[in-house]
N, C-alpha and C. Protein backbone atom coordinates (compact mmCIF):
# COMPACT_ATOMS: atom_id res chain seq x y z
N MET A 1 -25.33 -1.58 13.48
CA MET A 1 -25.35 -1.08 12.11
C MET A 1 -24.27 -1.78 11.31
N SER A 2 -24.65 -2.34 10.16
CA SER A 2 -23.71 -3.09 9.34
C SER A 2 -22.66 -2.18 8.72
N ILE A 3 -21.41 -2.65 8.72
CA ILE A 3 -20.31 -1.91 8.12
C ILE A 3 -20.13 -2.40 6.69
N PRO A 4 -20.30 -1.52 5.68
CA PRO A 4 -20.20 -1.95 4.29
C PRO A 4 -18.79 -2.39 3.92
N VAL A 5 -18.71 -3.40 3.08
CA VAL A 5 -17.42 -3.89 2.59
C VAL A 5 -17.50 -4.05 1.07
N LEU A 6 -16.46 -3.55 0.40
CA LEU A 6 -16.30 -3.76 -1.04
C LEU A 6 -15.11 -4.69 -1.22
N THR A 7 -15.35 -5.87 -1.77
CA THR A 7 -14.26 -6.81 -2.01
C THR A 7 -13.84 -6.74 -3.47
N ILE A 8 -12.54 -6.71 -3.71
CA ILE A 8 -12.01 -6.72 -5.07
C ILE A 8 -11.03 -7.87 -5.18
N ASP A 9 -11.46 -8.94 -5.81
CA ASP A 9 -10.65 -10.14 -5.98
C ASP A 9 -10.14 -10.24 -7.41
N GLY A 10 -9.15 -11.09 -7.60
CA GLY A 10 -8.62 -11.32 -8.93
C GLY A 10 -7.19 -11.79 -8.88
N PRO A 11 -6.64 -12.19 -10.02
CA PRO A 11 -5.27 -12.71 -10.07
C PRO A 11 -4.23 -11.62 -9.90
N SER A 12 -3.01 -12.03 -9.66
CA SER A 12 -1.89 -11.11 -9.48
C SER A 12 -1.68 -10.26 -10.73
N GLY A 13 -1.46 -8.96 -10.53
CA GLY A 13 -1.15 -8.07 -11.65
C GLY A 13 -2.34 -7.51 -12.38
N ALA A 14 -3.54 -7.73 -11.86
CA ALA A 14 -4.74 -7.24 -12.55
C ALA A 14 -5.03 -5.77 -12.25
N GLY A 15 -4.27 -5.19 -11.33
CA GLY A 15 -4.48 -3.79 -10.98
C GLY A 15 -5.34 -3.59 -9.75
N LYS A 16 -5.54 -4.66 -9.00
CA LYS A 16 -6.42 -4.59 -7.81
C LYS A 16 -5.93 -3.56 -6.80
N GLY A 17 -4.61 -3.53 -6.56
CA GLY A 17 -4.07 -2.64 -5.54
C GLY A 17 -4.32 -1.18 -5.85
N THR A 18 -3.96 -0.78 -7.06
CA THR A 18 -4.15 0.63 -7.46
C THR A 18 -5.61 1.01 -7.42
N VAL A 19 -6.46 0.16 -8.01
CA VAL A 19 -7.89 0.45 -8.05
C VAL A 19 -8.48 0.49 -6.64
N SER A 20 -8.10 -0.45 -5.80
CA SER A 20 -8.64 -0.52 -4.44
C SER A 20 -8.25 0.70 -3.61
N ARG A 21 -6.99 1.10 -3.69
CA ARG A 21 -6.54 2.27 -2.91
C ARG A 21 -7.24 3.54 -3.36
N LEU A 22 -7.41 3.71 -4.67
CA LEU A 22 -8.08 4.91 -5.17
C LEU A 22 -9.56 4.91 -4.75
N LEU A 23 -10.18 3.75 -4.78
CA LEU A 23 -11.57 3.65 -4.36
C LEU A 23 -11.73 3.94 -2.87
N ALA A 24 -10.81 3.42 -2.06
CA ALA A 24 -10.86 3.67 -0.61
C ALA A 24 -10.74 5.16 -0.35
N LYS A 25 -9.88 5.82 -1.10
CA LYS A 25 -9.69 7.26 -0.92
C LYS A 25 -10.94 8.03 -1.34
N LYS A 26 -11.53 7.66 -2.47
CA LYS A 26 -12.73 8.34 -2.96
C LYS A 26 -13.92 8.14 -2.02
N LEU A 27 -14.02 6.94 -1.46
CA LEU A 27 -15.14 6.61 -0.58
C LEU A 27 -14.91 7.04 0.86
N GLY A 28 -13.62 7.28 1.22
CA GLY A 28 -13.30 7.61 2.60
C GLY A 28 -13.36 6.40 3.51
N TRP A 29 -13.10 5.21 2.93
CA TRP A 29 -13.16 3.96 3.68
C TRP A 29 -11.76 3.47 4.05
N HIS A 30 -11.69 2.50 4.95
CA HIS A 30 -10.43 1.87 5.31
C HIS A 30 -10.01 0.95 4.16
N TYR A 31 -8.75 0.54 4.20
CA TYR A 31 -8.19 -0.28 3.12
C TYR A 31 -7.46 -1.49 3.67
N LEU A 32 -7.69 -2.63 3.05
CA LEU A 32 -7.00 -3.87 3.40
C LEU A 32 -6.37 -4.46 2.14
N ASP A 33 -5.08 -4.60 2.15
CA ASP A 33 -4.35 -5.28 1.08
C ASP A 33 -3.96 -6.65 1.61
N SER A 34 -4.80 -7.64 1.36
CA SER A 34 -4.55 -8.97 1.92
C SER A 34 -3.28 -9.58 1.36
N GLY A 35 -2.94 -9.21 0.12
CA GLY A 35 -1.71 -9.73 -0.47
C GLY A 35 -0.49 -9.29 0.30
N SER A 36 -0.54 -8.07 0.85
CA SER A 36 0.59 -7.59 1.65
C SER A 36 0.73 -8.38 2.93
N ILE A 37 -0.37 -8.88 3.47
CA ILE A 37 -0.32 -9.68 4.69
C ILE A 37 0.47 -10.96 4.42
N TYR A 38 0.14 -11.63 3.34
CA TYR A 38 0.85 -12.87 3.01
C TYR A 38 2.28 -12.59 2.58
N ARG A 39 2.48 -11.49 1.84
CA ARG A 39 3.84 -11.15 1.42
C ARG A 39 4.69 -10.73 2.62
N SER A 40 4.08 -10.06 3.58
CA SER A 40 4.81 -9.67 4.79
C SER A 40 5.23 -10.90 5.57
N LEU A 41 4.34 -11.87 5.64
CA LEU A 41 4.70 -13.12 6.31
C LEU A 41 5.83 -13.81 5.54
N ALA A 42 5.78 -13.76 4.22
CA ALA A 42 6.85 -14.36 3.41
C ALA A 42 8.19 -13.71 3.74
N ILE A 43 8.19 -12.38 3.88
CA ILE A 43 9.43 -11.66 4.23
C ILE A 43 9.93 -12.10 5.61
N ALA A 44 8.99 -12.19 6.57
CA ALA A 44 9.36 -12.61 7.92
C ALA A 44 9.96 -14.01 7.91
N LEU A 45 9.39 -14.90 7.12
CA LEU A 45 9.88 -16.27 7.04
C LEU A 45 11.27 -16.34 6.41
N LEU A 46 11.46 -15.57 5.34
CA LEU A 46 12.76 -15.58 4.67
C LEU A 46 13.84 -14.95 5.55
N LYS A 47 13.48 -13.92 6.32
CA LYS A 47 14.44 -13.29 7.23
C LYS A 47 14.90 -14.28 8.30
N GLN A 48 13.97 -15.16 8.68
CA GLN A 48 14.29 -16.13 9.74
C GLN A 48 14.70 -17.49 9.17
N SER A 49 14.85 -17.56 7.86
CA SER A 49 15.28 -18.80 7.19
C SER A 49 14.40 -20.00 7.55
N VAL A 50 13.09 -19.77 7.56
CA VAL A 50 12.15 -20.84 7.91
C VAL A 50 11.91 -21.76 6.72
N ASP A 51 11.94 -23.04 6.94
CA ASP A 51 11.66 -24.05 5.92
C ASP A 51 10.19 -23.95 5.54
N LEU A 52 9.90 -23.74 4.26
CA LEU A 52 8.51 -23.57 3.82
C LEU A 52 7.68 -24.86 3.90
N GLU A 53 8.33 -25.96 4.21
CA GLU A 53 7.59 -27.21 4.42
C GLU A 53 7.28 -27.44 5.89
N ASN A 54 7.77 -26.54 6.75
CA ASN A 54 7.55 -26.65 8.19
C ASN A 54 6.33 -25.80 8.56
N ALA A 55 5.14 -26.36 8.39
CA ALA A 55 3.90 -25.62 8.61
C ALA A 55 3.77 -25.08 10.03
N ALA A 56 4.19 -25.88 11.01
CA ALA A 56 4.07 -25.47 12.41
C ALA A 56 4.90 -24.22 12.69
N ARG A 57 6.09 -24.18 12.15
CA ARG A 57 6.97 -23.02 12.35
C ARG A 57 6.41 -21.79 11.63
N ILE A 58 5.85 -21.99 10.45
CA ILE A 58 5.24 -20.89 9.70
C ILE A 58 4.09 -20.28 10.49
N VAL A 59 3.28 -21.14 11.11
CA VAL A 59 2.15 -20.68 11.93
C VAL A 59 2.66 -19.86 13.12
N ASP A 60 3.74 -20.31 13.75
CA ASP A 60 4.31 -19.57 14.89
C ASP A 60 4.72 -18.16 14.48
N VAL A 61 5.37 -18.06 13.33
CA VAL A 61 5.82 -16.75 12.85
C VAL A 61 4.61 -15.87 12.50
N ALA A 62 3.60 -16.47 11.90
CA ALA A 62 2.39 -15.73 11.53
C ALA A 62 1.68 -15.17 12.77
N GLN A 63 1.61 -15.96 13.82
CA GLN A 63 0.93 -15.52 15.05
C GLN A 63 1.68 -14.37 15.71
N ALA A 64 3.01 -14.38 15.61
CA ALA A 64 3.82 -13.35 16.27
C ALA A 64 3.96 -12.08 15.43
N MET A 65 3.60 -12.16 14.16
CA MET A 65 3.80 -11.04 13.25
C MET A 65 2.89 -9.86 13.59
N THR A 66 3.46 -8.66 13.63
CA THR A 66 2.67 -7.43 13.80
C THR A 66 2.82 -6.63 12.51
N LEU A 67 1.67 -6.24 11.95
CA LEU A 67 1.65 -5.60 10.64
C LEU A 67 0.77 -4.36 10.68
N ALA A 68 1.21 -3.30 10.00
CA ALA A 68 0.43 -2.06 9.95
C ALA A 68 0.47 -1.47 8.55
N PHE A 69 -0.68 -0.93 8.11
CA PHE A 69 -0.78 -0.22 6.85
C PHE A 69 -0.84 1.28 7.14
N GLU A 70 -0.02 2.05 6.46
CA GLU A 70 -0.08 3.51 6.57
C GLU A 70 -0.41 4.05 5.19
N CYS A 71 -1.65 4.50 5.02
CA CYS A 71 -2.13 4.94 3.71
C CYS A 71 -2.07 6.45 3.58
N GLY A 72 -1.08 6.93 2.83
CA GLY A 72 -0.99 8.35 2.51
C GLY A 72 -1.11 8.47 1.01
N ASP A 73 -0.22 9.24 0.37
CA ASP A 73 -0.22 9.29 -1.09
C ASP A 73 0.13 7.92 -1.66
N GLU A 74 0.96 7.17 -0.93
CA GLU A 74 1.29 5.80 -1.31
C GLU A 74 1.18 4.91 -0.08
N LEU A 75 0.94 3.64 -0.32
CA LEU A 75 0.80 2.69 0.77
C LEU A 75 2.17 2.36 1.38
N ILE A 76 2.23 2.41 2.70
CA ILE A 76 3.43 1.99 3.43
C ILE A 76 3.05 0.81 4.31
N VAL A 77 3.80 -0.25 4.21
CA VAL A 77 3.54 -1.45 5.00
C VAL A 77 4.69 -1.65 5.97
N LYS A 78 4.36 -1.83 7.24
CA LYS A 78 5.39 -2.02 8.26
C LYS A 78 5.24 -3.38 8.93
N LEU A 79 6.35 -4.08 8.99
CA LEU A 79 6.44 -5.36 9.70
C LEU A 79 7.18 -5.06 11.00
N GLY A 80 6.43 -5.00 12.10
CA GLY A 80 7.01 -4.50 13.33
C GLY A 80 7.30 -3.02 13.15
N ASP A 81 8.55 -2.62 13.34
CA ASP A 81 8.94 -1.22 13.13
C ASP A 81 9.62 -1.00 11.78
N GLU A 82 9.75 -2.05 10.98
CA GLU A 82 10.49 -1.95 9.72
C GLU A 82 9.56 -1.69 8.54
N ASP A 83 9.91 -0.69 7.73
CA ASP A 83 9.18 -0.41 6.49
C ASP A 83 9.63 -1.43 5.45
N ILE A 84 8.72 -2.33 5.08
CA ILE A 84 9.06 -3.40 4.13
C ILE A 84 8.43 -3.17 2.76
N THR A 85 7.86 -1.99 2.55
CA THR A 85 7.13 -1.70 1.32
C THR A 85 7.92 -2.05 0.06
N ALA A 86 9.19 -1.65 0.02
CA ALA A 86 10.01 -1.86 -1.17
C ALA A 86 10.27 -3.34 -1.46
N GLN A 87 10.18 -4.18 -0.43
CA GLN A 87 10.45 -5.60 -0.61
C GLN A 87 9.23 -6.39 -1.10
N LEU A 88 8.04 -5.81 -0.91
CA LEU A 88 6.81 -6.55 -1.19
C LEU A 88 6.65 -6.95 -2.66
N GLY A 89 7.19 -6.14 -3.56
CA GLY A 89 7.01 -6.41 -4.98
C GLY A 89 7.99 -7.37 -5.60
N LEU A 90 8.96 -7.85 -4.83
CA LEU A 90 9.95 -8.77 -5.38
C LEU A 90 9.31 -10.10 -5.78
N GLU A 91 9.75 -10.66 -6.89
CA GLU A 91 9.16 -11.90 -7.39
C GLU A 91 9.32 -13.06 -6.40
N LEU A 92 10.47 -13.13 -5.73
CA LEU A 92 10.70 -14.19 -4.74
C LEU A 92 9.65 -14.10 -3.63
N ILE A 93 9.34 -12.89 -3.20
CA ILE A 93 8.37 -12.69 -2.13
C ILE A 93 6.98 -13.10 -2.61
N GLY A 94 6.63 -12.70 -3.83
CA GLY A 94 5.31 -13.05 -4.37
C GLY A 94 5.12 -14.54 -4.51
N ASN A 95 6.15 -15.22 -5.01
CA ASN A 95 6.05 -16.67 -5.18
C ASN A 95 6.00 -17.40 -3.84
N THR A 96 6.76 -16.90 -2.86
CA THR A 96 6.73 -17.49 -1.53
C THR A 96 5.36 -17.29 -0.88
N ALA A 97 4.79 -16.10 -1.06
CA ALA A 97 3.47 -15.81 -0.49
C ALA A 97 2.41 -16.73 -1.08
N SER A 98 2.50 -16.99 -2.38
CA SER A 98 1.55 -17.88 -3.03
C SER A 98 1.64 -19.29 -2.47
N ILE A 99 2.85 -19.74 -2.16
CA ILE A 99 3.05 -21.08 -1.61
C ILE A 99 2.46 -21.21 -0.21
N ILE A 100 2.75 -20.24 0.66
CA ILE A 100 2.26 -20.34 2.05
C ILE A 100 0.76 -20.06 2.14
N ALA A 101 0.22 -19.34 1.16
CA ALA A 101 -1.22 -19.05 1.17
C ALA A 101 -2.04 -20.31 0.92
N ALA A 102 -1.38 -21.36 0.41
CA ALA A 102 -2.08 -22.62 0.16
C ALA A 102 -2.17 -23.49 1.41
N LEU A 103 -1.54 -23.06 2.51
CA LEU A 103 -1.55 -23.86 3.74
C LEU A 103 -2.75 -23.47 4.61
N PRO A 104 -3.66 -24.41 4.87
CA PRO A 104 -4.86 -24.12 5.66
C PRO A 104 -4.55 -23.54 7.04
N GLU A 105 -3.50 -24.06 7.68
CA GLU A 105 -3.16 -23.60 9.04
C GLU A 105 -2.78 -22.11 9.03
N VAL A 106 -2.07 -21.70 8.02
CA VAL A 106 -1.65 -20.31 7.91
C VAL A 106 -2.84 -19.40 7.62
N ARG A 107 -3.71 -19.85 6.73
CA ARG A 107 -4.89 -19.05 6.38
C ARG A 107 -5.77 -18.81 7.60
N ARG A 108 -5.89 -19.83 8.46
CA ARG A 108 -6.73 -19.68 9.66
C ARG A 108 -6.16 -18.61 10.59
N VAL A 109 -4.84 -18.58 10.75
CA VAL A 109 -4.21 -17.60 11.62
C VAL A 109 -4.42 -16.18 11.11
N LEU A 110 -4.28 -16.01 9.81
CA LEU A 110 -4.34 -14.67 9.23
C LEU A 110 -5.78 -14.21 8.92
N LEU A 111 -6.73 -15.13 8.95
CA LEU A 111 -8.11 -14.78 8.61
C LEU A 111 -8.69 -13.72 9.54
N GLN A 112 -8.55 -13.91 10.85
CA GLN A 112 -9.11 -12.96 11.79
C GLN A 112 -8.42 -11.60 11.72
N LYS A 113 -7.11 -11.62 11.46
CA LYS A 113 -6.38 -10.36 11.33
C LYS A 113 -6.95 -9.52 10.19
N GLN A 114 -7.36 -10.21 9.12
CA GLN A 114 -7.95 -9.51 7.98
C GLN A 114 -9.34 -8.97 8.33
N ARG A 115 -10.13 -9.78 9.00
CA ARG A 115 -11.49 -9.36 9.35
C ARG A 115 -11.51 -8.19 10.33
N ASP A 116 -10.44 -8.05 11.09
CA ASP A 116 -10.36 -6.94 12.05
C ASP A 116 -10.24 -5.58 11.37
N PHE A 117 -9.95 -5.57 10.09
CA PHE A 117 -9.87 -4.30 9.36
C PHE A 117 -11.25 -3.73 9.04
N ARG A 118 -12.29 -4.51 9.29
CA ARG A 118 -13.66 -4.04 9.02
C ARG A 118 -14.10 -3.06 10.11
N ARG A 119 -14.01 -1.78 9.77
CA ARG A 119 -14.36 -0.73 10.72
C ARG A 119 -15.13 0.37 9.99
N HIS A 120 -15.91 1.14 10.76
CA HIS A 120 -16.66 2.26 10.17
C HIS A 120 -15.69 3.27 9.58
N PRO A 121 -16.05 3.94 8.48
CA PRO A 121 -17.36 3.90 7.81
C PRO A 121 -17.50 2.78 6.77
N GLY A 122 -16.40 2.07 6.47
CA GLY A 122 -16.47 0.99 5.50
C GLY A 122 -15.08 0.49 5.18
N LEU A 123 -15.00 -0.57 4.38
CA LEU A 123 -13.72 -1.19 4.05
C LEU A 123 -13.66 -1.60 2.59
N VAL A 124 -12.54 -1.29 1.94
CA VAL A 124 -12.24 -1.83 0.62
C VAL A 124 -11.19 -2.91 0.82
N ALA A 125 -11.54 -4.15 0.51
CA ALA A 125 -10.65 -5.29 0.74
C ALA A 125 -10.16 -5.86 -0.59
N ASP A 126 -8.86 -5.87 -0.75
CA ASP A 126 -8.22 -6.28 -2.00
C ASP A 126 -7.51 -7.61 -1.80
N GLY A 127 -7.82 -8.60 -2.65
CA GLY A 127 -7.15 -9.89 -2.50
C GLY A 127 -7.57 -10.91 -3.54
N ARG A 128 -7.53 -12.18 -3.13
CA ARG A 128 -7.92 -13.27 -4.02
C ARG A 128 -9.15 -14.01 -3.52
N ASP A 129 -9.44 -13.91 -2.21
CA ASP A 129 -10.59 -14.62 -1.67
C ASP A 129 -11.39 -13.74 -0.71
N MET A 130 -11.34 -12.43 -0.93
CA MET A 130 -12.04 -11.51 -0.05
C MET A 130 -13.56 -11.73 -0.09
N GLY A 131 -14.09 -11.89 -1.30
CA GLY A 131 -15.54 -12.05 -1.44
C GLY A 131 -16.04 -13.47 -1.24
N THR A 132 -15.14 -14.44 -1.34
CA THR A 132 -15.55 -15.84 -1.20
C THR A 132 -15.33 -16.41 0.19
N VAL A 133 -14.26 -15.95 0.88
CA VAL A 133 -13.89 -16.54 2.17
C VAL A 133 -13.84 -15.53 3.31
N VAL A 134 -13.10 -14.44 3.13
CA VAL A 134 -12.87 -13.50 4.22
C VAL A 134 -14.12 -12.69 4.56
N PHE A 135 -14.76 -12.13 3.52
CA PHE A 135 -15.98 -11.34 3.72
C PHE A 135 -17.09 -11.85 2.80
N PRO A 136 -17.57 -13.09 3.04
CA PRO A 136 -18.61 -13.64 2.16
C PRO A 136 -19.92 -12.86 2.23
N ASP A 137 -20.10 -12.07 3.30
CA ASP A 137 -21.33 -11.29 3.45
C ASP A 137 -21.17 -9.86 2.93
N ALA A 138 -20.07 -9.58 2.22
CA ALA A 138 -19.84 -8.23 1.70
C ALA A 138 -20.98 -7.79 0.81
N GLU A 139 -21.33 -6.52 0.93
CA GLU A 139 -22.45 -5.98 0.15
C GLU A 139 -22.07 -5.79 -1.32
N TYR A 140 -20.79 -5.46 -1.56
CA TYR A 140 -20.34 -5.20 -2.93
C TYR A 140 -19.14 -6.08 -3.24
N LYS A 141 -19.21 -6.78 -4.39
CA LYS A 141 -18.13 -7.69 -4.76
C LYS A 141 -17.73 -7.48 -6.22
N VAL A 142 -16.40 -7.47 -6.46
CA VAL A 142 -15.87 -7.29 -7.80
C VAL A 142 -14.79 -8.34 -8.05
N PHE A 143 -14.75 -8.86 -9.28
CA PHE A 143 -13.65 -9.73 -9.70
C PHE A 143 -12.96 -9.03 -10.85
N LEU A 144 -11.70 -8.59 -10.61
CA LEU A 144 -10.93 -7.82 -11.58
C LEU A 144 -9.81 -8.67 -12.15
N THR A 145 -9.76 -8.78 -13.47
CA THR A 145 -8.74 -9.61 -14.10
C THR A 145 -8.19 -8.91 -15.35
N ALA A 146 -7.23 -9.56 -16.00
CA ALA A 146 -6.64 -9.11 -17.26
C ALA A 146 -5.87 -10.29 -17.81
N SER A 147 -5.53 -10.26 -19.08
CA SER A 147 -4.80 -11.36 -19.68
C SER A 147 -3.42 -11.50 -19.02
N SER A 148 -2.87 -12.71 -19.04
CA SER A 148 -1.56 -12.93 -18.43
C SER A 148 -0.48 -12.10 -19.13
N GLU A 149 -0.61 -11.94 -20.45
CA GLU A 149 0.36 -11.14 -21.20
C GLU A 149 0.32 -9.67 -20.75
N LYS A 150 -0.87 -9.15 -20.60
CA LYS A 150 -1.03 -7.75 -20.19
C LYS A 150 -0.52 -7.55 -18.76
N ARG A 151 -0.80 -8.50 -17.89
CA ARG A 151 -0.33 -8.38 -16.50
C ARG A 151 1.19 -8.46 -16.43
N ALA A 152 1.78 -9.32 -17.26
CA ALA A 152 3.24 -9.43 -17.29
C ALA A 152 3.86 -8.12 -17.81
N GLU A 153 3.25 -7.52 -18.81
CA GLU A 153 3.75 -6.25 -19.35
C GLU A 153 3.74 -5.17 -18.27
N ARG A 154 2.65 -5.10 -17.51
CA ARG A 154 2.53 -4.10 -16.45
C ARG A 154 3.60 -4.32 -15.38
N ARG A 155 3.79 -5.59 -15.01
CA ARG A 155 4.78 -5.93 -13.99
C ARG A 155 6.19 -5.59 -14.48
N TYR A 156 6.45 -5.89 -15.74
CA TYR A 156 7.75 -5.61 -16.33
C TYR A 156 8.07 -4.12 -16.27
N LYS A 157 7.10 -3.30 -16.64
CA LYS A 157 7.30 -1.85 -16.62
C LYS A 157 7.56 -1.35 -15.20
N GLN A 158 6.82 -1.90 -14.23
CA GLN A 158 7.01 -1.49 -12.84
C GLN A 158 8.43 -1.79 -12.37
N LEU A 159 8.91 -2.99 -12.68
CA LEU A 159 10.24 -3.40 -12.23
C LEU A 159 11.33 -2.58 -12.91
N ILE A 160 11.20 -2.35 -14.21
CA ILE A 160 12.20 -1.58 -14.94
C ILE A 160 12.26 -0.14 -14.41
N GLU A 161 11.08 0.44 -14.11
CA GLU A 161 11.04 1.81 -13.58
C GLU A 161 11.73 1.90 -12.22
N LYS A 162 11.74 0.78 -11.48
CA LYS A 162 12.39 0.76 -10.17
C LYS A 162 13.87 0.38 -10.28
N GLY A 163 14.32 0.17 -11.51
CA GLY A 163 15.72 -0.19 -11.71
C GLY A 163 16.02 -1.65 -11.44
N ILE A 164 14.97 -2.48 -11.45
CA ILE A 164 15.13 -3.91 -11.20
C ILE A 164 15.14 -4.66 -12.53
N ASP A 165 16.16 -5.48 -12.75
CA ASP A 165 16.26 -6.24 -14.00
C ASP A 165 15.10 -7.24 -14.08
N ALA A 166 14.51 -7.37 -15.28
CA ALA A 166 13.37 -8.26 -15.43
C ALA A 166 13.35 -8.86 -16.83
N ASN A 167 12.74 -10.02 -16.95
CA ASN A 167 12.60 -10.71 -18.23
C ASN A 167 11.11 -10.94 -18.48
N LEU A 168 10.59 -10.36 -19.57
CA LEU A 168 9.15 -10.40 -19.84
C LEU A 168 8.64 -11.83 -20.02
N THR A 169 9.39 -12.65 -20.74
CA THR A 169 8.97 -14.04 -20.96
C THR A 169 8.90 -14.80 -19.64
N ARG A 170 9.91 -14.58 -18.78
CA ARG A 170 9.94 -15.24 -17.48
C ARG A 170 8.78 -14.78 -16.60
N LEU A 171 8.50 -13.49 -16.66
CA LEU A 171 7.39 -12.93 -15.86
C LEU A 171 6.06 -13.53 -16.30
N THR A 172 5.87 -13.67 -17.60
CA THR A 172 4.62 -14.23 -18.13
C THR A 172 4.45 -15.67 -17.64
N LYS A 173 5.53 -16.45 -17.71
CA LYS A 173 5.47 -17.84 -17.26
C LYS A 173 5.19 -17.91 -15.75
N ASP A 174 5.83 -17.02 -14.99
CA ASP A 174 5.62 -17.00 -13.53
C ASP A 174 4.15 -16.69 -13.21
N ILE A 175 3.57 -15.72 -13.91
CA ILE A 175 2.19 -15.34 -13.68
C ILE A 175 1.24 -16.48 -14.03
N GLU A 176 1.50 -17.14 -15.16
CA GLU A 176 0.65 -18.27 -15.56
C GLU A 176 0.74 -19.42 -14.56
N GLU A 177 1.96 -19.66 -14.05
CA GLU A 177 2.15 -20.72 -13.06
C GLU A 177 1.45 -20.36 -11.75
N ARG A 178 1.54 -19.10 -11.35
CA ARG A 178 0.89 -18.66 -10.12
C ARG A 178 -0.64 -18.75 -10.26
N ASP A 179 -1.16 -18.38 -11.42
CA ASP A 179 -2.59 -18.50 -11.68
C ASP A 179 -3.05 -19.95 -11.53
N ARG A 180 -2.27 -20.86 -12.12
CA ARG A 180 -2.62 -22.28 -12.05
C ARG A 180 -2.61 -22.77 -10.61
N ARG A 181 -1.56 -22.40 -9.86
CA ARG A 181 -1.44 -22.84 -8.47
C ARG A 181 -2.57 -22.26 -7.62
N ASP A 182 -2.87 -20.97 -7.82
CA ASP A 182 -3.91 -20.33 -7.02
C ASP A 182 -5.29 -20.88 -7.33
N SER A 183 -5.53 -21.25 -8.59
CA SER A 183 -6.85 -21.75 -8.99
C SER A 183 -7.07 -23.21 -8.60
N GLU A 184 -5.97 -23.98 -8.50
CA GLU A 184 -6.10 -25.42 -8.25
C GLU A 184 -5.89 -25.81 -6.79
N ARG A 185 -5.47 -24.86 -5.93
CA ARG A 185 -5.20 -25.23 -4.55
C ARG A 185 -6.48 -25.67 -3.85
N ALA A 186 -6.32 -26.58 -2.89
CA ALA A 186 -7.48 -27.16 -2.21
C ALA A 186 -8.19 -26.16 -1.31
N THR A 187 -7.42 -25.24 -0.69
CA THR A 187 -7.99 -24.29 0.25
C THR A 187 -8.17 -22.93 -0.41
N ALA A 188 -9.41 -22.41 -0.39
CA ALA A 188 -9.72 -21.08 -0.91
C ALA A 188 -9.09 -20.81 -2.27
N PRO A 189 -9.40 -21.62 -3.28
CA PRO A 189 -8.84 -21.37 -4.61
C PRO A 189 -9.36 -20.05 -5.18
N LEU A 190 -8.59 -19.47 -6.09
CA LEU A 190 -9.02 -18.23 -6.75
C LEU A 190 -10.27 -18.51 -7.56
N SER A 191 -11.36 -17.84 -7.22
CA SER A 191 -12.61 -18.04 -7.94
C SER A 191 -13.45 -16.77 -7.86
N ILE A 192 -14.47 -16.71 -8.70
CA ILE A 192 -15.34 -15.54 -8.73
C ILE A 192 -16.46 -15.71 -7.72
N ALA A 193 -16.59 -14.75 -6.80
CA ALA A 193 -17.64 -14.81 -5.79
C ALA A 193 -19.02 -14.71 -6.44
N SER A 194 -19.97 -15.39 -5.86
CA SER A 194 -21.34 -15.35 -6.37
C SER A 194 -21.85 -13.90 -6.37
N GLY A 195 -22.37 -13.48 -7.52
CA GLY A 195 -22.92 -12.13 -7.62
C GLY A 195 -21.90 -11.04 -7.86
N ALA A 196 -20.62 -11.40 -8.03
CA ALA A 196 -19.58 -10.39 -8.20
C ALA A 196 -19.64 -9.76 -9.60
N LEU A 197 -19.29 -8.49 -9.67
CA LEU A 197 -19.16 -7.79 -10.95
C LEU A 197 -17.84 -8.20 -11.57
N PHE A 198 -17.87 -8.77 -12.78
CA PHE A 198 -16.66 -9.24 -13.47
C PHE A 198 -16.14 -8.13 -14.37
N ILE A 199 -14.86 -7.75 -14.19
CA ILE A 199 -14.24 -6.71 -15.01
C ILE A 199 -12.92 -7.22 -15.58
N ASP A 200 -12.79 -7.20 -16.91
CA ASP A 200 -11.53 -7.51 -17.57
C ASP A 200 -10.87 -6.19 -17.93
N SER A 201 -9.76 -5.87 -17.26
CA SER A 201 -9.13 -4.57 -17.42
C SER A 201 -8.05 -4.53 -18.49
N SER A 202 -7.94 -5.60 -19.29
CA SER A 202 -6.85 -5.70 -20.28
C SER A 202 -6.75 -4.46 -21.15
N ASP A 203 -7.89 -3.95 -21.60
CA ASP A 203 -7.90 -2.79 -22.49
C ASP A 203 -8.65 -1.61 -21.88
N MET A 204 -8.64 -1.53 -20.55
CA MET A 204 -9.34 -0.45 -19.86
C MET A 204 -8.36 0.44 -19.10
N THR A 205 -8.70 1.71 -18.95
CA THR A 205 -7.91 2.60 -18.11
C THR A 205 -8.33 2.39 -16.65
N ILE A 206 -7.51 2.87 -15.73
CA ILE A 206 -7.84 2.77 -14.31
C ILE A 206 -9.12 3.55 -14.02
N ASP A 207 -9.25 4.72 -14.61
CA ASP A 207 -10.45 5.54 -14.38
C ASP A 207 -11.71 4.82 -14.83
N ALA A 208 -11.62 4.09 -15.94
CA ALA A 208 -12.78 3.36 -16.45
C ALA A 208 -13.19 2.24 -15.48
N VAL A 209 -12.18 1.55 -14.95
CA VAL A 209 -12.46 0.48 -13.98
C VAL A 209 -13.12 1.06 -12.73
N ILE A 210 -12.54 2.15 -12.21
CA ILE A 210 -13.09 2.79 -11.01
C ILE A 210 -14.52 3.26 -11.26
N GLY A 211 -14.78 3.78 -12.44
CA GLY A 211 -16.12 4.22 -12.79
C GLY A 211 -17.14 3.10 -12.71
N GLU A 212 -16.76 1.92 -13.20
CA GLU A 212 -17.68 0.77 -13.17
C GLU A 212 -17.98 0.34 -11.74
N VAL A 213 -16.94 0.37 -10.88
CA VAL A 213 -17.12 -0.05 -9.49
C VAL A 213 -17.97 0.96 -8.72
N LEU A 214 -17.71 2.24 -8.94
CA LEU A 214 -18.49 3.27 -8.25
C LEU A 214 -19.96 3.21 -8.68
N ALA A 215 -20.20 2.87 -9.94
CA ALA A 215 -21.57 2.72 -10.42
C ALA A 215 -22.27 1.57 -9.69
N LEU A 216 -21.51 0.52 -9.40
CA LEU A 216 -22.07 -0.62 -8.65
C LEU A 216 -22.48 -0.18 -7.25
N ILE A 217 -21.63 0.62 -6.60
CA ILE A 217 -21.90 1.03 -5.23
C ILE A 217 -23.03 2.05 -5.15
N HIS A 218 -23.01 3.01 -6.06
CA HIS A 218 -24.00 4.08 -6.02
C HIS A 218 -25.31 3.72 -6.69
């Protein structure tokens, strides 16, 4: 019996995480945050002071990495026994994750780990290439985006609320640079999966986005 998968792809800051977690809860399905997998690897690499140009060493760390998602009221991500949730949102971690995600050797190692999350009764997979590479046979596919300015504003508010100093202009430039890098990379570039529902959330509420996705499924 086929296990249904809902893939939600899109650029950083489009609201994929919040929307995906709420949908997983409403549907009673498992949840995969692929961005956390790459960000967790970024944390592991920085902790071990690994040279980001040393692909072989990065692969070694990726193979040894043990990662777990604990989904309660909020997502908790553990690298080994350490709760790294608070570190995942740091800009340094996000930029490092984007760099290593462009390495084919690293993507191959982490690909199967992502596919292993496909379990009954279903899976909501959040990322950038869930519908194009990781789960190309997914029954339901969504591409969620928003303007770079709107995404930067959301990120700015998140950081300020956490007491982290942030610069809106710098955040906007970082997001635009990350978009360019993710779209132009040779391996699994950010793109819209064939047949995916396209949603621009710039002027939409979270409930409105969730409503559109649930309509697709039902």
